[in-house]
Each structure stands twice: as structure tokens, then as C-alpha cells.
Protein backbone atom coordinates (compact mmCIF):
# COMPACT_ATOMS: atom_id res chain seq x y z
CA UNK A 1 0.00 0.00 0.00
CA UNK A 2 2.79 2.42 0.93
CA UNK A 3 4.78 1.49 -2.18
CA UNK A 4 1.78 2.20 -4.37
CA UNK A 5 1.32 5.64 -2.82
CA UNK A 6 5.00 6.50 -3.27
CA UNK A 7 4.92 5.28 -6.84
CA UNK A 8 1.78 7.32 -7.50
CA UNK A 9 3.33 10.45 -6.05
CA UNK A 10 6.43 10.08 -8.27
CA UNK A 11 4.26 9.49 -11.26
CA UNK A 12 2.18 12.59 -10.62
CA UNK A 13 5.33 14.66 -10.14
CA UNK A 14 6.75 13.31 -13.39
CA UNK A 15 3.59 14.15 -15.32
CA UNK A 16 3.51 17.65 -13.83
CA UNK A 17 7.13 18.23 -14.85
CA UNK A 18 6.45 16.99 -18.37
CA UNK A 19 3.43 19.27 -18.67
CA UNK A 20 5.46 22.22 -17.37
CA UNK A 21 8.27 21.65 -19.84
CA UNK A 22 5.85 20.91 -22.60
CA UNK A 23 4.12 24.23 -22.12
CA UNK A 24 7.44 26.07 -22.51
CA UNK A 25 7.17 27.79 -19.13
CA UNK A 26 10.63 26.63 -18.04
CA UNK A 27 12.21 27.89 -21.22
CA UNK A 28 10.54 31.25 -20.86
CA UNK A 29 11.69 31.54 -17.27
CA UNK A 30 15.23 30.56 -18.26
CA UNK A 31 15.18 33.06 -21.13
CA UNK A 32 14.57 35.83 -18.58
CA UNK A 33 16.53 34.54 -15.58
CA UNK A 34 19.79 33.74 -17.34
CA UNK A 35 20.29 37.22 -18.93
CA UNK A 36 19.31 38.90 -15.64
CA UNK A 37 21.81 36.72 -13.77
CA UNK A 38 24.57 37.47 -16.27
CA UNK A 39 23.79 41.19 -16.08
CA UNK A 40 24.02 41.11 -12.28
CA UNK A 41 27.34 39.26 -12.49
CA UNK A 42 28.74 41.94 -14.81
CA UNK A 43 27.40 44.83 -12.71
CA UNK A 44 28.75 43.44 -9.44
CA UNK A 45 32.04 42.52 -11.14
CA UNK A 46 32.51 46.12 -12.30
CA UNK A 47 31.50 47.54 -8.91
CA UNK A 48 33.81 45.20 -7.01
CA UNK A 49 36.70 46.21 -9.29
CA UNK A 50 36.77 49.79 -7.98
CA UNK A 51 39.73 50.51 -5.71
CA UNK A 52 38.46 51.38 -2.21
CA UNK A 53 39.12 54.76 -0.67
CA UNK A 54 41.88 55.29 1.84
CA UNK A 55 40.80 54.35 5.39
CA UNK A 56 39.90 57.18 7.76
CA UNK A 57 43.09 58.60 9.19
CA UNK A 58 41.96 59.00 12.78
CA UNK A 59 45.57 58.71 13.94
CA UNK A 60 46.71 61.68 11.83
CA UNK A 61 44.61 64.35 13.52
CA UNK A 62 46.06 67.24 15.46
CA UNK A 63 45.76 65.42 18.77
CA UNK A 64 48.00 62.62 17.48
CA UNK A 65 50.91 64.08 19.47
CA UNK A 66 49.06 63.14 22.65
CA UNK A 67 48.65 59.52 21.58
CA UNK A 68 50.97 56.75 22.71
CA UNK A 69 53.87 56.13 20.34
CA UNK A 70 53.07 53.21 18.05
CA UNK A 71 49.29 53.52 18.03
CA UNK A 72 49.33 55.30 14.67
CA UNK A 73 51.26 52.56 12.89
CA UNK A 74 49.25 49.82 14.58
CA UNK A 75 45.97 51.55 13.70
CA UNK A 76 47.08 51.95 10.09
CA UNK A 77 47.85 48.24 9.88
CA UNK A 78 44.47 47.37 11.38
CA UNK A 79 42.56 49.77 9.12
CA UNK A 80 44.24 48.57 5.93
CA UNK A 81 43.59 44.94 6.89
CA UNK A 82 39.93 45.67 7.60
CA UNK A 83 39.49 47.46 4.27
CA UNK A 84 40.99 44.41 2.59
CA UNK A 85 38.28 42.21 4.11
CA UNK A 86 35.30 44.60 4.17
CA UNK A 87 35.55 46.50 0.88
CA UNK A 88 32.76 46.00 -1.73
CA UNK A 89 32.73 42.31 -2.56
CA UNK A 90 34.84 41.46 0.47
CA UNK A 91 38.03 39.46 -0.03
CA UNK A 92 37.83 38.18 -3.61
CA UNK A 93 41.08 36.25 -4.06
CA UNK A 94 39.59 33.00 -2.73
CA UNK A 95 36.16 33.26 -4.40
CA UNK A 96 34.95 30.16 -6.24
CA UNK A 97 31.68 31.67 -7.53
CA UNK A 98 30.91 34.43 -10.05
CA UNK A 99 31.81 37.19 -10.39
CA UNK A 100 34.87 36.82 -8.15
CA UNK A 101 36.13 33.69 -9.87
CA UNK A 102 36.30 35.58 -13.18
CA UNK A 103 38.14 38.61 -11.77
CA UNK A 104 41.92 38.89 -11.74
CA UNK A 105 42.70 42.62 -11.42
CA UNK A 106 41.20 43.03 -7.94
CA UNK A 107 42.80 39.83 -6.58
CA UNK A 108 46.14 41.16 -7.85
CA UNK A 109 45.45 44.46 -6.05
CA UNK A 110 44.56 42.53 -2.89
CA UNK A 111 47.80 40.56 -3.13
CA UNK A 112 49.84 43.77 -3.32
CA UNK A 113 48.11 45.10 -0.19
CA UNK A 114 48.46 41.76 1.59
CA UNK A 115 52.21 41.60 0.95
CA UNK A 116 52.66 44.98 2.64
CA UNK A 117 50.44 43.93 5.55
CA UNK A 118 52.60 40.84 5.99
CA UNK A 119 55.84 42.81 5.83
CA UNK A 120 54.73 45.43 8.35
CA UNK A 121 53.31 42.85 10.76
CA UNK A 122 56.64 41.00 10.61
CA UNK A 123 58.57 44.23 11.22
CA UNK A 124 56.36 45.01 14.21
CA UNK A 125 56.92 41.55 15.65
CA UNK A 126 60.68 41.39 15.01
CA UNK A 127 61.76 45.02 15.37
CA UNK A 128 59.28 47.72 16.36
CA UNK A 129 58.09 45.98 19.54
CA UNK A 130 61.53 44.79 20.70
CA UNK A 131 64.24 46.87 22.35
CA UNK A 132 67.10 44.66 21.12
CA UNK A 133 67.76 41.35 19.35
CA UNK A 134 67.76 39.36 22.60
CA UNK A 135 64.52 40.82 23.97
CA UNK A 136 61.28 38.85 24.10
CA UNK A 137 58.73 39.30 21.32
CA UNK A 138 55.22 40.55 22.05
CA UNK A 139 52.73 37.72 22.55
CA UNK A 140 49.89 39.28 20.51
CA UNK A 141 52.14 40.24 17.59
CA UNK A 142 53.64 36.75 17.61
CA UNK A 143 50.12 35.39 17.06
CA UNK A 144 49.03 38.04 14.55
CA UNK A 145 51.96 37.79 12.13
CA UNK A 146 51.52 34.11 11.11
CA UNK A 147 47.77 34.67 10.59
CA UNK A 148 48.47 37.20 7.84
CA UNK A 149 50.89 34.76 6.20
CA UNK A 150 48.10 32.25 5.68
CA UNK A 151 47.29 31.33 2.06
CA UNK A 152 45.21 33.95 0.25
CA UNK A 153 43.20 31.45 -1.85
CA UNK A 154 41.76 29.18 0.83
CA UNK A 155 37.96 29.35 0.70
CA UNK A 156 37.08 26.91 3.50
CA UNK A 157 38.34 25.19 6.66
CA UNK A 158 39.74 27.67 7.40
CA UNK A 159 38.94 30.48 5.01
CA UNK A 160 41.53 33.17 4.36
CA UNK A 161 39.18 35.82 5.75
CA UNK A 162 38.89 33.90 9.01
CA UNK A 163 42.65 33.77 9.53
CA UNK A 164 43.16 37.42 8.62
CA UNK A 165 40.29 38.38 10.92
CA UNK A 166 42.05 36.59 13.77
CA UNK A 167 45.20 38.53 12.96
CA UNK A 168 43.27 41.79 13.22
CA UNK A 169 41.92 40.76 16.64
CA UNK A 170 45.43 40.17 17.95
CA UNK A 171 46.56 43.54 16.55
CA UNK A 172 43.69 45.26 18.35
CA UNK A 173 44.64 43.46 21.56
CA UNK A 174 48.21 44.72 21.16
CA UNK A 175 46.99 48.26 20.50
CA UNK A 176 44.79 48.16 23.58
CA UNK A 177 47.71 47.06 25.75
CA UNK A 178 49.98 49.59 24.06
CA UNK A 179 47.60 52.42 24.97
CA UNK A 180 47.51 51.33 28.61
CA UNK A 181 50.27 53.29 30.34
CA UNK A 182 50.02 50.92 33.30
CA UNK A 183 51.07 47.95 31.15
CA UNK A 184 54.79 48.27 30.34
CA UNK A 185 54.89 44.86 28.66
CA UNK A 186 53.48 46.22 25.38
CA UNK A 187 56.01 48.54 23.74
CA UNK A 188 56.71 50.24 20.42
CA UNK A 189 60.22 51.57 19.93
CA UNK A 190 60.36 54.44 17.43
CA UNK A 191 64.06 54.33 16.63
CA UNK A 192 65.97 55.09 13.44
CA UNK A 193 67.36 51.54 13.15
CA UNK A 194 63.87 50.04 13.48
CA UNK A 195 62.54 52.29 10.73
CA UNK A 196 65.49 51.42 8.50
CA UNK A 197 64.76 47.72 9.05
CA UNK A 198 61.22 48.04 7.70
CA UNK A 199 62.21 50.41 4.88
CA UNK A 200 64.82 47.91 3.69
CA UNK A 201 62.04 45.41 3.03
CA UNK A 202 59.91 48.05 1.32
CA UNK A 203 62.87 49.02 -0.87
CA UNK A 204 63.35 45.41 -1.94
CA UNK A 205 59.66 44.98 -2.78
CA UNK A 206 59.49 48.15 -4.84
CA UNK A 207 62.69 47.27 -6.67
CA UNK A 208 61.23 43.93 -7.73
CA UNK A 209 57.97 45.53 -8.86
CA UNK A 210 59.87 48.14 -10.86
CA UNK A 211 61.74 45.42 -12.75
CA UNK A 212 58.57 43.43 -13.44
CA UNK A 213 56.75 46.52 -14.67
CA UNK A 214 59.65 47.53 -16.92
CA UNK A 215 59.71 44.03 -18.40
CA UNK A 216 56.43 44.79 -20.16
CA UNK A 217 58.38 45.93 -23.23
CA UNK A 218 60.75 42.95 -23.22
CA UNK A 219 64.24 44.41 -23.60
CA UNK A 220 67.60 42.58 -23.30
CA UNK A 221 69.09 42.80 -19.83
CA UNK A 222 72.70 42.24 -18.78
CA UNK A 223 73.35 39.85 -15.92
CA UNK A 224 74.59 41.91 -12.95
CA UNK A 225 73.97 39.30 -10.26
CA UNK A 226 77.66 39.05 -9.27
CA UNK A 227 78.71 42.62 -10.01
CA UNK A 228 81.16 44.46 -7.74
CA UNK A 229 82.42 41.30 -6.01
CA UNK A 230 85.26 39.37 -7.65
CA UNK A 231 84.89 36.42 -5.25
CA UNK A 232 81.11 36.11 -5.52
CA UNK A 233 79.64 32.80 -6.68
CA UNK A 234 76.16 31.52 -7.50
CA UNK A 235 74.57 28.06 -7.44
CA UNK A 236 74.23 27.62 -11.21
CA UNK A 237 75.82 29.66 -14.01
CA UNK A 238 73.60 32.24 -15.68
CA UNK A 239 73.60 33.77 -19.14
CA UNK A 240 75.52 37.02 -19.55
CA UNK A 241 72.54 38.56 -21.34
CA UNK A 242 68.89 37.56 -21.29
CA UNK A 243 65.64 38.87 -22.62
CA UNK A 244 63.06 39.41 -19.90
CA UNK A 245 59.44 40.04 -20.82
CA UNK A 246 56.27 39.85 -18.74
CA UNK A 247 53.71 37.53 -20.37
CA UNK A 248 50.91 39.45 -22.05
CA UNK A 249 48.20 37.93 -19.83
CA UNK A 250 50.15 38.92 -16.68
CA UNK A 251 50.65 42.61 -17.52
CA UNK A 252 47.48 43.78 -15.79
CA UNK A 253 48.17 41.57 -12.76
CA UNK A 254 51.59 43.14 -12.19
CA UNK A 255 50.12 46.61 -12.73
CA UNK A 256 47.35 46.18 -10.15
CA UNK A 257 49.64 44.42 -7.68
CA UNK A 258 51.88 47.51 -7.84
CA UNK A 259 48.85 49.75 -7.40
CA UNK A 260 47.76 47.81 -4.31
CA UNK A 261 51.28 47.87 -2.89
CA UNK A 262 51.50 51.65 -3.29
CA UNK A 263 48.00 52.11 -1.80
CA UNK A 264 48.95 50.26 1.38
CA UNK A 265 52.33 51.99 1.65
CA UNK A 266 50.73 55.42 1.50
CA UNK A 267 48.62 54.55 4.54
CA UNK A 268 51.57 53.07 6.44
CA UNK A 269 54.00 55.88 5.67
CA UNK A 270 51.50 58.52 6.81
CA UNK A 271 51.24 56.71 10.13
CA UNK A 272 55.01 56.26 10.37
CA UNK A 273 55.38 60.01 9.92
CA UNK A 274 53.38 60.44 13.15
CA UNK A 275 55.08 57.77 15.29
CA UNK A 276 58.62 58.56 14.10
CA UNK A 277 58.18 62.35 14.02
CA UNK A 278 60.99 63.02 16.49
CA UNK A 279 63.38 60.65 14.72
CA UNK A 280 62.64 62.19 11.33
CA UNK A 281 63.00 65.71 12.70
CA UNK A 282 66.33 64.86 14.31
CA UNK A 283 67.63 63.53 11.00
CA UNK A 284 65.99 66.34 9.02
CA UNK A 285 64.29 63.59 7.01
CA UNK A 286 60.60 64.43 7.33
CA UNK A 287 60.52 66.07 3.90
CA UNK A 288 62.14 62.97 2.39
CA UNK A 289 59.34 60.80 3.77
CA UNK A 290 56.73 63.18 2.39
CA UNK A 291 58.38 63.00 -1.02
CA UNK A 292 58.04 59.20 -0.98
CA UNK A 293 54.34 59.57 -0.20
CA UNK A 294 54.01 62.13 -3.00
CA UNK A 295 55.53 59.75 -5.55
CA UNK A 296 53.33 56.86 -4.43
CA UNK A 297 50.21 59.02 -4.62
CA UNK A 298 50.90 59.36 -8.36
CA UNK A 299 50.20 55.63 -8.74
CA UNK A 300 46.62 56.12 -7.49
CA UNK A 301 45.49 58.48 -10.25
CA UNK A 302 42.27 57.62 -12.05
CA UNK A 303 42.74 55.27 -14.99
CA UNK A 304 40.52 56.18 -17.93
CA UNK A 305 41.48 53.28 -20.18
CA UNK A 306 39.24 50.18 -19.92
CA UNK A 307 42.35 47.98 -19.94
CA UNK A 308 46.06 48.15 -19.19
CA UNK A 309 47.72 49.19 -22.44
CA UNK A 310 51.14 47.89 -23.42
CA UNK A 311 52.37 50.17 -26.16
CA UNK A 312 56.02 50.43 -27.12
CA UNK A 313 58.32 52.75 -25.21
CA UNK A 314 57.84 55.56 -27.73
CA UNK A 315 54.96 54.01 -29.69
CA UNK A 316 51.52 55.34 -30.60
CA UNK A 317 49.79 53.73 -27.61
CA UNK A 318 50.49 54.37 -23.94
CA UNK A 319 52.31 51.84 -21.80
CA UNK A 320 50.67 51.97 -18.40
CA UNK A 321 53.22 49.57 -16.89
CA UNK A 322 56.09 51.93 -17.71
CA UNK A 323 54.21 54.89 -16.24
CA UNK A 324 53.63 52.90 -13.05
CA UNK A 325 57.28 51.82 -13.04
CA UNK A 326 58.33 55.47 -13.20
CA UNK A 327 56.47 56.34 -9.99
CA UNK A 328 57.60 53.14 -8.23
CA UNK A 329 61.24 53.69 -9.20
CA UNK A 330 61.28 57.28 -7.98
CA UNK A 331 59.69 56.24 -4.69
CA UNK A 332 62.25 53.46 -4.37
CA UNK A 333 65.13 55.88 -4.95
CA UNK A 334 63.68 58.24 -2.34
CA UNK A 335 63.49 55.36 0.17
CA UNK A 336 67.17 54.63 -0.46
CA UNK A 337 68.00 58.26 0.28
CA UNK A 338 65.86 58.19 3.42
CA UNK A 339 67.62 55.08 4.72
CA UNK A 340 70.96 56.78 4.16
CA UNK A 341 69.78 59.79 6.15
CA UNK A 342 68.58 57.60 9.01
CA UNK A 343 71.93 55.79 9.17
CA UNK A 344 73.85 59.01 9.70
CA UNK A 345 74.69 60.04 13.24
């Protein structure tokens, strides 16, 4: 009896489905739903591709001089990390559904920001929060730094956003302890050598980006790996001259990674200017830091072309990678000069 009822129910459902399909209702619904869905995917994809605004610079106000040293840099790191997770579309690099899975420019931008977040969190753990090489590292920073080094394309168990969110929580715990004058365990040492330590990493990152951007035109490059050291050796011999060219499909990725890197550095350098104000003034280097920020701000200009163009060096079309490389290279040279100033007595 029960089997007959179940069989009858399946039969009725089958007949109803056949009648529905036979009447063409499903096809009419699909003819409307599919274009609407595709339109929404395109609209959200375009909206999510917009670079977010700079986070609110609460730590740069006039009362910043009254704040505890280190809160500006820590707040900048927290704010940039939160923008990375909470911007329109959220964190897209690990998306497995449309439109995020079809986007590559914004994930490249996110990667550039993430690299700077990782570098600054490492500098805070290894240098800014320690008085000397033998001193103990801060407990919260020791937990935050590895969270930001988690893979950026993990979508589940755990998701990248979850790990980065945990890193932000530990940074906020460190900032809270740092602001408590009764807790001497949380420290931030604004010294010239600490600033030079972080800037050395920034200089290396920008130098690499400058080379990758310049490789958009594919010119021969001499091998200078062992220059200036007669006794230098390398693992395997390299060619004396090689042609380096960024693949055509990677041009926009390198461009937007550089744009994201510069975006994050602008935020961090503005905060560093507050925390290291006395150090910069003593070295007469504040204007040098502002010049770095000025050069990096040039990378954030509005882009009116619908795609990253790759014209020849002096060709008819623009080469956006070379323009970006120009700003990055000048900022990199200014960082080198700043590090030299900070090393002087």
C-alpha cells in the first residue's frame, strides 16, 4: 500500500514536470533569468573592481601628538587589513563563484596590499616591539603575524578571511595594551634603526615591482647578479645577457599588484610620519618621507582606459606599466636616500 502511494506520487510529479516543460514555461523563465543573472554578475564585477578609498586617518589628527607612540602605525595596519576584508565584494582572491572567480585585477590588487600587511606585521613583531635582538617578542604580535601569512586562496576550513580576521583581533589586543600606560609589557620603539629595518624590506619589494613593470616591453638585460664582487659565486651559471618580458596575460596583474602595494604603503607611511616624528626631525628627514608619499600618490590616479595598455616605449599607444614603473622607481630611490639619512649620526 505504501509502495503504491509513493509510486503514484512520483508518477504525478513526473507528469507535472512533463506538462510544465511541454508548455514552454521553463524555457521562458530561463530566457529571462539567465540574462538577468549574467547582467548582475557583470554589474557586481565592475562595482567590485573599484579601488576602495583610503581608510579614515583618525591617527593623523592634530591630537595625534598626545597619543601613545606606536598607536598610529598599529591603527594603520588594522585599518588597511579591515578594508581588505570589508571593501565591496569582500576578499575576492579566494572566491569560487561568479563574479569573483572571473576577476583577476582586484585579486592582484589585494595581493599587493596583503604583501605589505605581511611585511609590516613581521617588522612590528621582530623590530618595532623589541628593544634589542635578545629581547622577548610581544605575545599578541607573535600570534598576529603568522595569521596574515596564511594562504590567500583558501575558501574553506579555514577560510583566508577567518585567519586574517584573527590577525586583526590580535593587533587590536596589542593596540589596547599599548595604549595602557600601566602595562609596560606592550612597547613600540620608534628608533631610526627600526625604521630602516622596515624600509629595507619596502625598498626590496618596490625594486622587484619596478623590474617586473619595466619588463612589459621585453628588452635585453645584462646579468649583474655578481657585479662588484670578484669572489662572488652563485649556485648555477647564468647567461651574460637575457631577454626578460612579462607575459601578455600577466601585464594587468603586475600593474594592479603595484597599485595595491602603493596604496597600502601610502597609509603606512602617513602613520610612520606620526610615530617617528621626532626621529625624522632629528635627521631632518621628514621632507624625504613626504616625497616618498608624493611619488606613491601618483600611482593612485584615475585610470581612464578600460584595460592596461602595453604600447612600445615611444609608440603610438600608452604603456601603463612603464608609467607605473616610473612612480615606483622614484619612490624606491627616495626610500634609499631616506635610509641613508637615518643611518647618519
